[in-house]
N, C-alpha and C. Protein backbone atom coordinates (compact mmCIF):
# COMPACT_ATOMS: atom_id res chain seq x y z
N MET A 1 4.37 -21.52 9.16
CA MET A 1 3.54 -21.14 8.02
C MET A 1 4.29 -21.44 6.73
N ALA A 2 3.61 -22.03 5.76
CA ALA A 2 4.24 -22.39 4.50
C ALA A 2 4.66 -21.14 3.73
N THR A 3 5.72 -21.28 2.96
CA THR A 3 6.19 -20.17 2.15
C THR A 3 5.19 -19.87 1.05
N LEU A 4 4.82 -18.62 0.91
CA LEU A 4 3.87 -18.23 -0.13
C LEU A 4 4.58 -18.14 -1.47
N GLN A 5 3.90 -18.59 -2.51
CA GLN A 5 4.47 -18.50 -3.85
C GLN A 5 4.43 -17.06 -4.33
N LYS A 6 5.53 -16.62 -4.95
CA LYS A 6 5.60 -15.23 -5.39
C LYS A 6 4.58 -14.96 -6.49
N ILE A 7 4.02 -13.76 -6.43
CA ILE A 7 2.99 -13.33 -7.39
C ILE A 7 3.68 -12.64 -8.56
N LYS A 8 3.46 -13.17 -9.77
CA LYS A 8 4.15 -12.65 -10.95
C LYS A 8 3.27 -11.71 -11.79
N THR A 9 1.96 -11.82 -11.64
CA THR A 9 1.06 -11.03 -12.48
C THR A 9 0.65 -9.70 -11.86
N ILE A 10 1.21 -9.41 -10.68
CA ILE A 10 0.91 -8.17 -9.98
C ILE A 10 2.22 -7.57 -9.48
N THR A 11 2.39 -6.27 -9.67
CA THR A 11 3.55 -5.56 -9.14
C THR A 11 3.22 -4.98 -7.77
N GLY A 12 4.10 -5.19 -6.81
CA GLY A 12 3.92 -4.57 -5.50
C GLY A 12 4.40 -3.12 -5.55
N VAL A 13 3.63 -2.23 -4.94
CA VAL A 13 3.98 -0.81 -4.91
C VAL A 13 3.96 -0.34 -3.45
N VAL A 14 5.05 0.28 -3.02
CA VAL A 14 5.16 0.85 -1.69
C VAL A 14 5.24 2.36 -1.84
N LEU A 15 4.34 3.07 -1.22
CA LEU A 15 4.37 4.54 -1.27
C LEU A 15 5.24 5.04 -0.12
N GLY A 16 6.36 5.64 -0.47
CA GLY A 16 7.32 6.09 0.52
C GLY A 16 7.43 7.59 0.62
N GLY A 17 6.38 8.28 0.20
CA GLY A 17 6.40 9.75 0.24
C GLY A 17 5.73 10.28 1.49
N GLY A 18 5.17 11.46 1.40
CA GLY A 18 4.48 12.08 2.53
C GLY A 18 5.42 12.97 3.33
N GLN A 19 4.83 13.94 4.00
CA GLN A 19 5.61 14.92 4.75
C GLN A 19 5.81 14.53 6.22
N SER A 20 5.05 13.55 6.71
CA SER A 20 5.15 13.11 8.12
C SER A 20 4.97 14.27 9.09
N ARG A 21 4.14 15.23 8.72
CA ARG A 21 3.96 16.42 9.57
C ARG A 21 3.37 16.06 10.93
N ARG A 22 2.38 15.19 10.94
CA ARG A 22 1.72 14.84 12.22
C ARG A 22 2.63 14.01 13.11
N MET A 23 3.56 13.26 12.50
CA MET A 23 4.49 12.48 13.31
C MET A 23 5.60 13.34 13.88
N GLY A 24 5.98 14.40 13.16
CA GLY A 24 7.05 15.27 13.63
C GLY A 24 8.43 14.80 13.24
N GLN A 25 8.52 13.68 12.55
CA GLN A 25 9.79 13.18 12.03
C GLN A 25 9.49 12.23 10.87
N ASP A 26 10.51 11.87 10.13
CA ASP A 26 10.35 11.01 8.96
C ASP A 26 9.88 9.62 9.42
N LYS A 27 8.64 9.27 9.07
CA LYS A 27 8.09 7.98 9.50
C LYS A 27 8.89 6.80 8.95
N ARG A 28 9.47 6.99 7.80
CA ARG A 28 10.14 5.88 7.12
C ARG A 28 11.27 5.28 7.95
N ILE A 29 11.88 6.10 8.81
CA ILE A 29 13.05 5.61 9.55
C ILE A 29 12.73 5.29 11.01
N LEU A 30 11.45 5.36 11.39
CA LEU A 30 11.07 4.92 12.73
C LEU A 30 11.40 3.44 12.88
N GLU A 31 11.80 3.06 14.07
CA GLU A 31 12.20 1.67 14.28
C GLU A 31 11.00 0.80 14.65
N TRP A 32 10.96 -0.38 14.04
CA TRP A 32 9.93 -1.37 14.35
C TRP A 32 10.56 -2.75 14.26
N GLU A 33 10.56 -3.47 15.36
CA GLU A 33 11.13 -4.82 15.42
C GLU A 33 12.57 -4.85 14.91
N GLY A 34 13.32 -3.82 15.32
CA GLY A 34 14.74 -3.81 15.00
C GLY A 34 15.11 -3.32 13.61
N MET A 35 14.14 -2.80 12.87
CA MET A 35 14.46 -2.26 11.54
C MET A 35 13.60 -1.04 11.26
N LYS A 36 13.95 -0.32 10.22
CA LYS A 36 13.19 0.86 9.85
C LYS A 36 11.81 0.46 9.29
N PHE A 37 10.82 1.31 9.57
CA PHE A 37 9.47 1.08 9.06
C PHE A 37 9.48 0.72 7.58
N LEU A 38 10.09 1.58 6.78
CA LEU A 38 10.04 1.40 5.34
C LEU A 38 10.75 0.13 4.91
N ASP A 39 11.88 -0.19 5.56
CA ASP A 39 12.59 -1.42 5.23
C ASP A 39 11.71 -2.64 5.48
N LYS A 40 11.02 -2.64 6.61
CA LYS A 40 10.17 -3.79 6.96
C LYS A 40 9.06 -3.98 5.93
N VAL A 41 8.43 -2.88 5.53
CA VAL A 41 7.36 -2.96 4.55
C VAL A 41 7.90 -3.47 3.20
N CYS A 42 9.03 -2.95 2.77
CA CYS A 42 9.62 -3.36 1.50
C CYS A 42 10.02 -4.83 1.51
N LEU A 43 10.56 -5.30 2.62
CA LEU A 43 10.96 -6.70 2.72
C LEU A 43 9.74 -7.61 2.70
N THR A 44 8.67 -7.22 3.37
CA THR A 44 7.43 -8.00 3.33
C THR A 44 6.89 -8.09 1.92
N MET A 45 6.87 -6.97 1.22
CA MET A 45 6.37 -6.96 -0.16
C MET A 45 7.29 -7.77 -1.08
N GLY A 46 8.60 -7.73 -0.80
CA GLY A 46 9.55 -8.49 -1.61
C GLY A 46 9.37 -9.98 -1.48
N GLU A 47 8.83 -10.43 -0.35
CA GLU A 47 8.54 -11.85 -0.17
C GLU A 47 7.34 -12.29 -1.01
N LEU A 48 6.51 -11.34 -1.40
CA LEU A 48 5.25 -11.66 -2.07
C LEU A 48 5.28 -11.46 -3.58
N PHE A 49 6.01 -10.43 -4.02
CA PHE A 49 5.93 -10.03 -5.43
C PHE A 49 7.29 -10.13 -6.11
N ASP A 50 7.26 -10.56 -7.37
CA ASP A 50 8.48 -10.60 -8.17
C ASP A 50 9.05 -9.21 -8.39
N GLU A 51 8.16 -8.25 -8.60
CA GLU A 51 8.58 -6.86 -8.82
C GLU A 51 7.96 -5.99 -7.74
N VAL A 52 8.80 -5.18 -7.08
CA VAL A 52 8.32 -4.21 -6.09
C VAL A 52 8.89 -2.84 -6.42
N LEU A 53 8.02 -1.85 -6.51
CA LEU A 53 8.42 -0.47 -6.77
C LEU A 53 8.27 0.33 -5.48
N LEU A 54 9.29 1.10 -5.16
CA LEU A 54 9.23 2.06 -4.06
C LEU A 54 9.09 3.44 -4.68
N VAL A 55 7.94 4.08 -4.44
CA VAL A 55 7.65 5.39 -5.04
C VAL A 55 7.89 6.47 -4.00
N THR A 56 8.78 7.40 -4.32
CA THR A 56 9.08 8.51 -3.42
C THR A 56 8.98 9.83 -4.18
N ALA A 57 8.93 10.92 -3.42
CA ALA A 57 8.86 12.25 -4.04
C ALA A 57 10.19 12.60 -4.72
N THR A 58 11.28 12.26 -4.04
CA THR A 58 12.62 12.47 -4.59
C THR A 58 13.47 11.25 -4.25
N GLU A 59 14.62 11.14 -4.88
CA GLU A 59 15.51 10.00 -4.61
C GLU A 59 16.28 10.25 -3.31
N ASP A 60 15.55 10.16 -2.20
CA ASP A 60 16.15 10.54 -0.91
C ASP A 60 16.22 9.37 0.07
N TYR A 61 16.07 8.15 -0.42
CA TYR A 61 16.11 7.00 0.48
C TYR A 61 17.01 5.92 -0.12
N ALA A 62 18.05 5.57 0.61
CA ALA A 62 18.97 4.53 0.14
C ALA A 62 18.30 3.17 0.26
N CYS A 63 18.11 2.50 -0.87
CA CYS A 63 17.37 1.24 -0.85
C CYS A 63 18.11 0.12 -1.58
N GLY A 64 19.42 0.26 -1.72
CA GLY A 64 20.20 -0.76 -2.41
C GLY A 64 20.15 -2.12 -1.73
N HIS A 65 19.84 -2.13 -0.42
CA HIS A 65 19.76 -3.38 0.34
C HIS A 65 18.37 -3.99 0.31
N LEU A 66 17.44 -3.37 -0.39
CA LEU A 66 16.05 -3.81 -0.40
C LEU A 66 15.66 -4.37 -1.77
N PRO A 67 14.70 -5.30 -1.82
CA PRO A 67 14.28 -5.92 -3.08
C PRO A 67 13.29 -5.05 -3.84
N VAL A 68 13.68 -3.80 -4.12
CA VAL A 68 12.77 -2.84 -4.74
C VAL A 68 13.50 -2.07 -5.85
N ARG A 69 12.68 -1.46 -6.72
CA ARG A 69 13.19 -0.49 -7.68
C ARG A 69 12.63 0.87 -7.30
N LEU A 70 13.50 1.83 -7.10
CA LEU A 70 13.09 3.17 -6.68
C LEU A 70 12.64 3.98 -7.89
N VAL A 71 11.46 4.57 -7.79
CA VAL A 71 10.96 5.48 -8.82
C VAL A 71 10.43 6.73 -8.12
N THR A 72 10.48 7.85 -8.82
CA THR A 72 10.00 9.10 -8.23
C THR A 72 8.70 9.53 -8.90
N ASP A 73 7.93 10.35 -8.19
CA ASP A 73 6.60 10.75 -8.65
C ASP A 73 6.64 11.32 -10.07
N ALA A 74 5.76 10.77 -10.92
CA ALA A 74 5.66 11.28 -12.29
C ALA A 74 5.09 12.69 -12.31
N ILE A 75 4.16 12.96 -11.40
CA ILE A 75 3.57 14.29 -11.24
C ILE A 75 3.76 14.68 -9.79
N PRO A 76 4.61 15.65 -9.49
CA PRO A 76 4.94 15.97 -8.08
C PRO A 76 3.75 16.49 -7.29
N GLN A 77 3.83 16.26 -5.97
CA GLN A 77 2.93 16.87 -5.00
C GLN A 77 1.45 16.54 -5.24
N LYS A 78 1.19 15.28 -5.56
CA LYS A 78 -0.20 14.84 -5.76
C LYS A 78 -0.60 13.75 -4.76
N GLY A 79 0.13 13.69 -3.66
CA GLY A 79 -0.24 12.81 -2.57
C GLY A 79 -0.19 11.33 -2.94
N SER A 80 -1.01 10.56 -2.21
CA SER A 80 -1.02 9.11 -2.41
C SER A 80 -1.53 8.74 -3.79
N LEU A 81 -2.49 9.49 -4.30
CA LEU A 81 -2.99 9.20 -5.65
C LEU A 81 -1.86 9.36 -6.66
N GLY A 82 -1.04 10.39 -6.50
CA GLY A 82 0.08 10.59 -7.41
C GLY A 82 1.09 9.45 -7.32
N GLY A 83 1.30 8.93 -6.10
CA GLY A 83 2.20 7.80 -5.94
C GLY A 83 1.66 6.55 -6.60
N LEU A 84 0.37 6.28 -6.43
CA LEU A 84 -0.25 5.12 -7.07
C LEU A 84 -0.24 5.28 -8.59
N PHE A 85 -0.52 6.48 -9.07
CA PHE A 85 -0.46 6.78 -10.50
C PHE A 85 0.92 6.45 -11.06
N THR A 86 1.96 6.85 -10.34
CA THR A 86 3.34 6.57 -10.77
C THR A 86 3.60 5.07 -10.75
N GLY A 87 3.13 4.38 -9.71
CA GLY A 87 3.32 2.93 -9.62
C GLY A 87 2.68 2.21 -10.79
N LEU A 88 1.47 2.60 -11.16
CA LEU A 88 0.81 1.99 -12.32
C LEU A 88 1.57 2.27 -13.61
N LYS A 89 2.07 3.47 -13.74
CA LYS A 89 2.82 3.86 -14.94
C LYS A 89 4.08 3.02 -15.09
N GLU A 90 4.77 2.75 -13.97
CA GLU A 90 6.08 2.09 -14.02
C GLU A 90 5.99 0.57 -13.91
N ALA A 91 4.86 0.04 -13.51
CA ALA A 91 4.74 -1.40 -13.26
C ALA A 91 4.85 -2.21 -14.55
N SER A 92 5.54 -3.33 -14.45
CA SER A 92 5.63 -4.26 -15.59
C SER A 92 4.38 -5.11 -15.71
N ALA A 93 3.74 -5.41 -14.58
CA ALA A 93 2.56 -6.26 -14.56
C ALA A 93 1.30 -5.45 -14.88
N PRO A 94 0.20 -6.12 -15.26
CA PRO A 94 -1.04 -5.40 -15.57
C PRO A 94 -1.79 -4.91 -14.35
N PHE A 95 -1.37 -5.35 -13.17
CA PHE A 95 -2.00 -4.93 -11.92
C PHE A 95 -0.93 -4.51 -10.93
N VAL A 96 -1.33 -3.68 -9.97
CA VAL A 96 -0.45 -3.37 -8.84
C VAL A 96 -1.22 -3.64 -7.54
N PHE A 97 -0.47 -3.96 -6.50
CA PHE A 97 -1.01 -3.98 -5.14
C PHE A 97 -0.24 -2.94 -4.37
N VAL A 98 -0.94 -1.97 -3.79
CA VAL A 98 -0.28 -0.82 -3.18
C VAL A 98 -0.45 -0.81 -1.67
N VAL A 99 0.63 -0.44 -0.98
CA VAL A 99 0.59 -0.23 0.48
C VAL A 99 1.37 1.03 0.79
N ALA A 100 1.19 1.54 2.01
CA ALA A 100 1.94 2.70 2.48
C ALA A 100 3.16 2.24 3.27
N CYS A 101 4.08 3.15 3.47
CA CYS A 101 5.33 2.82 4.15
C CYS A 101 5.18 2.70 5.66
N ASP A 102 4.01 3.08 6.19
CA ASP A 102 3.84 3.15 7.64
C ASP A 102 2.81 2.13 8.14
N MET A 103 2.87 0.92 7.57
CA MET A 103 1.92 -0.13 7.92
C MET A 103 2.68 -1.32 8.52
N PRO A 104 2.95 -1.29 9.84
CA PRO A 104 3.83 -2.29 10.44
C PRO A 104 3.25 -3.69 10.56
N PHE A 105 1.92 -3.82 10.43
CA PHE A 105 1.28 -5.13 10.62
C PHE A 105 0.87 -5.79 9.30
N LEU A 106 1.50 -5.43 8.20
CA LEU A 106 1.14 -6.05 6.93
C LEU A 106 1.12 -7.57 7.08
N ASN A 107 0.05 -8.17 6.56
CA ASN A 107 -0.15 -9.61 6.68
C ASN A 107 -0.05 -10.24 5.29
N PRO A 108 1.01 -11.01 5.03
CA PRO A 108 1.16 -11.61 3.71
C PRO A 108 -0.03 -12.46 3.28
N LEU A 109 -0.68 -13.13 4.22
CA LEU A 109 -1.84 -13.95 3.88
C LEU A 109 -3.01 -13.08 3.43
N ALA A 110 -3.20 -11.94 4.08
CA ALA A 110 -4.28 -11.03 3.70
C ALA A 110 -4.03 -10.46 2.31
N ILE A 111 -2.78 -10.08 2.05
CA ILE A 111 -2.44 -9.53 0.73
C ILE A 111 -2.62 -10.60 -0.34
N SER A 112 -2.15 -11.81 -0.08
CA SER A 112 -2.29 -12.90 -1.06
C SER A 112 -3.76 -13.20 -1.34
N ARG A 113 -4.57 -13.13 -0.31
CA ARG A 113 -6.01 -13.41 -0.48
C ARG A 113 -6.65 -12.36 -1.39
N LEU A 114 -6.29 -11.10 -1.21
CA LEU A 114 -6.84 -10.05 -2.08
C LEU A 114 -6.33 -10.19 -3.51
N CYS A 115 -5.07 -10.54 -3.64
CA CYS A 115 -4.49 -10.66 -4.96
C CYS A 115 -5.05 -11.85 -5.75
N ALA A 116 -5.58 -12.85 -5.04
CA ALA A 116 -6.10 -14.05 -5.68
C ALA A 116 -7.55 -13.91 -6.14
N LEU A 117 -8.17 -12.79 -5.80
CA LEU A 117 -9.56 -12.60 -6.22
C LEU A 117 -9.67 -12.47 -7.73
N PRO A 118 -10.83 -12.81 -8.29
CA PRO A 118 -11.01 -12.66 -9.74
C PRO A 118 -10.69 -11.24 -10.19
N GLU A 119 -10.32 -11.13 -11.44
CA GLU A 119 -9.84 -9.84 -11.94
C GLU A 119 -10.90 -8.75 -11.79
N GLY A 120 -10.43 -7.59 -11.37
CA GLY A 120 -11.25 -6.40 -11.29
C GLY A 120 -10.31 -5.21 -11.37
N ASP A 121 -10.80 -4.10 -11.88
CA ASP A 121 -9.92 -2.93 -12.00
C ASP A 121 -9.58 -2.33 -10.65
N VAL A 122 -10.52 -2.39 -9.72
CA VAL A 122 -10.31 -1.88 -8.37
C VAL A 122 -10.78 -2.93 -7.38
N VAL A 123 -9.89 -3.36 -6.50
CA VAL A 123 -10.25 -4.24 -5.39
C VAL A 123 -9.87 -3.49 -4.12
N MET A 124 -10.88 -3.01 -3.40
CA MET A 124 -10.63 -2.15 -2.25
C MET A 124 -11.40 -2.67 -1.03
N VAL A 125 -10.75 -2.67 0.10
CA VAL A 125 -11.37 -3.13 1.34
C VAL A 125 -12.12 -1.97 2.00
N LYS A 126 -13.29 -2.30 2.55
CA LYS A 126 -14.05 -1.32 3.32
C LYS A 126 -14.24 -1.85 4.73
N LEU A 127 -13.61 -1.22 5.69
CA LEU A 127 -13.77 -1.55 7.10
C LEU A 127 -14.92 -0.72 7.69
N SER A 128 -15.24 -0.95 8.94
CA SER A 128 -16.27 -0.15 9.60
C SER A 128 -15.86 1.32 9.66
N THR A 129 -14.54 1.58 9.59
CA THR A 129 -14.02 2.95 9.63
C THR A 129 -13.93 3.60 8.25
N GLY A 130 -14.22 2.84 7.19
CA GLY A 130 -14.19 3.40 5.85
C GLY A 130 -13.31 2.62 4.89
N PHE A 131 -13.17 3.15 3.69
CA PHE A 131 -12.35 2.51 2.65
C PHE A 131 -10.88 2.51 3.02
N GLN A 132 -10.17 1.49 2.53
CA GLN A 132 -8.73 1.35 2.77
C GLN A 132 -8.00 1.32 1.41
N PRO A 133 -7.87 2.47 0.75
CA PRO A 133 -7.31 2.48 -0.61
C PRO A 133 -5.84 2.11 -0.67
N LEU A 134 -5.12 2.24 0.45
CA LEU A 134 -3.69 1.92 0.43
C LEU A 134 -3.41 0.51 0.96
N HIS A 135 -4.35 -0.37 0.67
CA HIS A 135 -4.14 -1.81 0.88
C HIS A 135 -5.04 -2.47 -0.16
N GLY A 136 -4.79 -2.11 -1.43
CA GLY A 136 -5.70 -2.52 -2.49
C GLY A 136 -5.00 -2.85 -3.79
N ARG A 137 -5.79 -3.42 -4.70
CA ARG A 137 -5.28 -3.86 -6.00
C ARG A 137 -5.93 -3.02 -7.10
N TYR A 138 -5.12 -2.61 -8.08
CA TYR A 138 -5.59 -1.73 -9.16
C TYR A 138 -5.02 -2.19 -10.49
N SER A 139 -5.83 -2.07 -11.53
CA SER A 139 -5.36 -2.46 -12.87
C SER A 139 -4.87 -1.24 -13.63
N LYS A 140 -4.16 -1.51 -14.71
CA LYS A 140 -3.66 -0.43 -15.57
C LYS A 140 -4.80 0.40 -16.17
N ARG A 141 -6.00 -0.17 -16.22
CA ARG A 141 -7.14 0.57 -16.75
C ARG A 141 -7.49 1.77 -15.86
N CYS A 142 -6.98 1.76 -14.62
CA CYS A 142 -7.21 2.91 -13.73
C CYS A 142 -6.35 4.11 -14.10
N TYR A 143 -5.29 3.86 -14.85
CA TYR A 143 -4.29 4.91 -15.10
C TYR A 143 -4.90 6.16 -15.76
N PRO A 144 -5.63 6.02 -16.88
CA PRO A 144 -6.19 7.25 -17.48
C PRO A 144 -7.24 7.91 -16.60
N VAL A 145 -7.96 7.11 -15.82
CA VAL A 145 -8.95 7.69 -14.90
C VAL A 145 -8.24 8.52 -13.84
N MET A 146 -7.15 7.98 -13.30
CA MET A 146 -6.39 8.72 -12.30
C MET A 146 -5.78 10.00 -12.89
N GLU A 147 -5.33 9.91 -14.13
CA GLU A 147 -4.76 11.09 -14.78
C GLU A 147 -5.80 12.20 -14.88
N GLN A 148 -7.03 11.81 -15.23
CA GLN A 148 -8.12 12.80 -15.30
C GLN A 148 -8.43 13.35 -13.92
N MET A 149 -8.45 12.48 -12.90
CA MET A 149 -8.72 12.93 -11.54
C MET A 149 -7.68 13.96 -11.09
N ILE A 150 -6.41 13.70 -11.40
CA ILE A 150 -5.34 14.63 -11.02
C ILE A 150 -5.53 15.97 -11.72
N GLN A 151 -5.90 15.92 -13.00
CA GLN A 151 -6.12 17.16 -13.75
C GLN A 151 -7.28 17.96 -13.16
N GLU A 152 -8.27 17.25 -12.61
CA GLU A 152 -9.45 17.92 -12.04
C GLU A 152 -9.25 18.31 -10.58
N GLY A 153 -8.10 17.90 -10.00
CA GLY A 153 -7.83 18.24 -8.61
C GLY A 153 -8.47 17.31 -7.59
N ASN A 154 -8.98 16.16 -8.04
CA ASN A 154 -9.57 15.17 -7.13
C ASN A 154 -8.49 14.14 -6.80
N LEU A 155 -7.94 14.20 -5.59
CA LEU A 155 -6.84 13.32 -5.21
C LEU A 155 -7.29 12.19 -4.27
N ARG A 156 -8.58 11.92 -4.21
CA ARG A 156 -9.10 10.86 -3.35
C ARG A 156 -9.14 9.53 -4.11
N ILE A 157 -8.26 8.61 -3.73
CA ILE A 157 -8.19 7.32 -4.42
C ILE A 157 -9.54 6.61 -4.38
N GLN A 158 -10.25 6.72 -3.25
CA GLN A 158 -11.51 6.00 -3.12
C GLN A 158 -12.57 6.46 -4.12
N SER A 159 -12.35 7.60 -4.77
CA SER A 159 -13.29 8.05 -5.81
C SER A 159 -13.33 7.08 -6.99
N LEU A 160 -12.30 6.26 -7.13
CA LEU A 160 -12.27 5.28 -8.22
C LEU A 160 -13.45 4.31 -8.16
N VAL A 161 -13.94 4.03 -6.95
CA VAL A 161 -15.00 3.03 -6.83
C VAL A 161 -16.30 3.50 -7.48
N ASN A 162 -16.42 4.79 -7.73
CA ASN A 162 -17.64 5.34 -8.33
C ASN A 162 -17.51 5.59 -9.82
N HIS A 163 -16.37 5.19 -10.41
CA HIS A 163 -16.17 5.47 -11.84
C HIS A 163 -16.78 4.37 -12.69
N SER A 164 -17.69 4.75 -13.56
CA SER A 164 -18.49 3.78 -14.31
C SER A 164 -17.67 2.94 -15.29
N SER A 165 -16.50 3.41 -15.70
CA SER A 165 -15.72 2.67 -16.69
C SER A 165 -14.88 1.56 -16.06
N LEU A 166 -14.85 1.48 -14.72
CA LEU A 166 -14.00 0.50 -14.03
C LEU A 166 -14.85 -0.56 -13.35
N SER A 167 -14.36 -1.80 -13.38
CA SER A 167 -15.01 -2.86 -12.60
C SER A 167 -14.45 -2.82 -11.19
N VAL A 168 -15.33 -2.86 -10.20
CA VAL A 168 -14.95 -2.61 -8.81
C VAL A 168 -15.43 -3.75 -7.92
N GLN A 169 -14.55 -4.20 -7.04
CA GLN A 169 -14.92 -5.13 -5.98
C GLN A 169 -14.67 -4.48 -4.63
N ILE A 170 -15.70 -4.36 -3.81
CA ILE A 170 -15.57 -3.86 -2.45
C ILE A 170 -15.55 -5.06 -1.51
N ILE A 171 -14.49 -5.20 -0.74
CA ILE A 171 -14.30 -6.35 0.13
C ILE A 171 -14.58 -5.96 1.58
N GLU A 172 -15.40 -6.74 2.26
CA GLU A 172 -15.73 -6.48 3.65
C GLU A 172 -14.67 -7.08 4.58
N GLU A 173 -14.57 -6.53 5.78
CA GLU A 173 -13.53 -6.97 6.71
C GLU A 173 -13.72 -8.41 7.17
N SER A 174 -14.92 -8.95 7.03
CA SER A 174 -15.17 -10.34 7.43
C SER A 174 -14.30 -11.32 6.66
N MET A 175 -13.81 -10.90 5.50
CA MET A 175 -12.95 -11.78 4.70
C MET A 175 -11.66 -12.13 5.43
N PHE A 176 -11.27 -11.34 6.42
CA PHE A 176 -9.97 -11.52 7.07
C PHE A 176 -10.09 -11.98 8.53
N LYS A 177 -11.30 -12.29 8.97
CA LYS A 177 -11.49 -12.60 10.39
C LYS A 177 -10.65 -13.78 10.86
N ASP A 178 -10.40 -14.75 9.97
CA ASP A 178 -9.66 -15.94 10.40
C ASP A 178 -8.16 -15.70 10.49
N ILE A 179 -7.65 -14.69 9.78
CA ILE A 179 -6.20 -14.45 9.76
C ILE A 179 -5.80 -13.12 10.38
N ASP A 180 -6.74 -12.19 10.48
CA ASP A 180 -6.44 -10.87 11.04
C ASP A 180 -7.70 -10.33 11.71
N PRO A 181 -8.09 -10.94 12.84
CA PRO A 181 -9.40 -10.61 13.44
C PRO A 181 -9.54 -9.16 13.88
N TYR A 182 -8.42 -8.48 14.18
CA TYR A 182 -8.48 -7.08 14.60
C TYR A 182 -8.19 -6.11 13.46
N CYS A 183 -7.98 -6.65 12.26
CA CYS A 183 -7.69 -5.83 11.07
C CYS A 183 -6.48 -4.94 11.28
N TYR A 184 -5.50 -5.42 12.03
CA TYR A 184 -4.29 -4.64 12.25
C TYR A 184 -3.50 -4.42 10.95
N SER A 185 -3.66 -5.33 9.99
CA SER A 185 -2.86 -5.20 8.76
C SER A 185 -3.19 -3.92 7.99
N PHE A 186 -4.33 -3.31 8.28
CA PHE A 186 -4.73 -2.08 7.60
C PHE A 186 -4.31 -0.83 8.37
N LEU A 187 -3.70 -1.03 9.52
CA LEU A 187 -3.35 0.10 10.39
C LEU A 187 -2.14 0.85 9.85
N ASN A 188 -2.29 2.17 9.75
CA ASN A 188 -1.13 2.99 9.41
C ASN A 188 -0.87 3.99 10.54
N ILE A 189 0.37 4.45 10.61
CA ILE A 189 0.85 5.23 11.75
C ILE A 189 1.08 6.67 11.32
N ASN A 190 0.25 7.58 11.85
CA ASN A 190 0.36 8.99 11.46
C ASN A 190 0.89 9.90 12.56
N THR A 191 0.71 9.50 13.82
CA THR A 191 1.07 10.36 14.93
C THR A 191 1.85 9.56 15.98
N PRO A 192 2.54 10.26 16.90
CA PRO A 192 3.21 9.54 17.99
C PRO A 192 2.26 8.68 18.80
N SER A 193 1.02 9.13 19.00
CA SER A 193 0.06 8.32 19.76
C SER A 193 -0.34 7.07 18.98
N ASP A 194 -0.44 7.18 17.65
CA ASP A 194 -0.68 6.00 16.82
C ASP A 194 0.43 4.98 17.02
N LEU A 195 1.67 5.47 17.04
CA LEU A 195 2.83 4.59 17.20
C LEU A 195 2.80 3.89 18.55
N GLU A 196 2.45 4.62 19.59
CA GLU A 196 2.38 4.02 20.92
C GLU A 196 1.30 2.95 20.98
N CYS A 197 0.14 3.24 20.39
CA CYS A 197 -0.94 2.25 20.35
C CYS A 197 -0.53 1.01 19.57
N ALA A 198 0.19 1.21 18.47
CA ALA A 198 0.63 0.08 17.65
C ALA A 198 1.62 -0.79 18.42
N ARG A 199 2.50 -0.17 19.16
CA ARG A 199 3.48 -0.93 19.94
C ARG A 199 2.78 -1.73 21.05
N LYS A 200 1.77 -1.16 21.66
CA LYS A 200 0.99 -1.89 22.67
C LYS A 200 0.25 -3.08 22.02
N ALA A 201 -0.29 -2.84 20.82
CA ALA A 201 -0.98 -3.92 20.11
C ALA A 201 -0.01 -5.04 19.77
N ALA A 202 1.18 -4.68 19.35
CA ALA A 202 2.20 -5.68 18.99
C ALA A 202 2.57 -6.53 20.20
N SER A 203 2.66 -5.90 21.35
CA SER A 203 3.03 -6.65 22.57
C SER A 203 1.91 -7.62 22.95
N ARG A 204 0.65 -7.24 22.68
CA ARG A 204 -0.46 -8.13 22.99
C ARG A 204 -0.50 -9.34 22.07
N LEU A 205 0.01 -9.18 20.85
CA LEU A 205 -0.01 -10.26 19.88
C LEU A 205 1.07 -11.31 20.13
N LYS A 206 2.08 -10.97 20.93
CA LYS A 206 3.19 -11.88 21.17
C LYS A 206 2.78 -13.01 22.11
């Protein structure tokens, strides 16, 4: 596969927070293909974006070996929306592309395809299982809307698609059938059974 050209107009954001309660241990350090989950995600994003931000609740992850800049939540304990809010605040580019730390099947071609779409404030994929807000592109214009949502206690990122002040593109899963027919790139790992299923899926892909 040809080397993808790095994206300069979008900042990559990796959300490295969360309590990992359902997993029973820190998901970030689970091993996948010989490396930690979070390291693999950060390295994939580093191949795609000139700037990558790793957003965590506290400075509790050594990332000097990764192509990222570590930032901590601007507003603590606001979940994934708070992490995305922080990423938008800290990003140098006018847009961010956000992923979670527990997505072992990230597909650079799928991310590049979403990033190449015409400008929109929210570009979010909708699978048959629902919206995928943590594999999406957001503009800085979302920042004040997110700030208001946090103040109102609405921490659902997908609520952005209904905000009248933002331009929104909803992308169907058919867009990825040629490069990710099973939509594994959107899979995140929350429980030990999720991890087992993901490992079985990985073995089938080999």
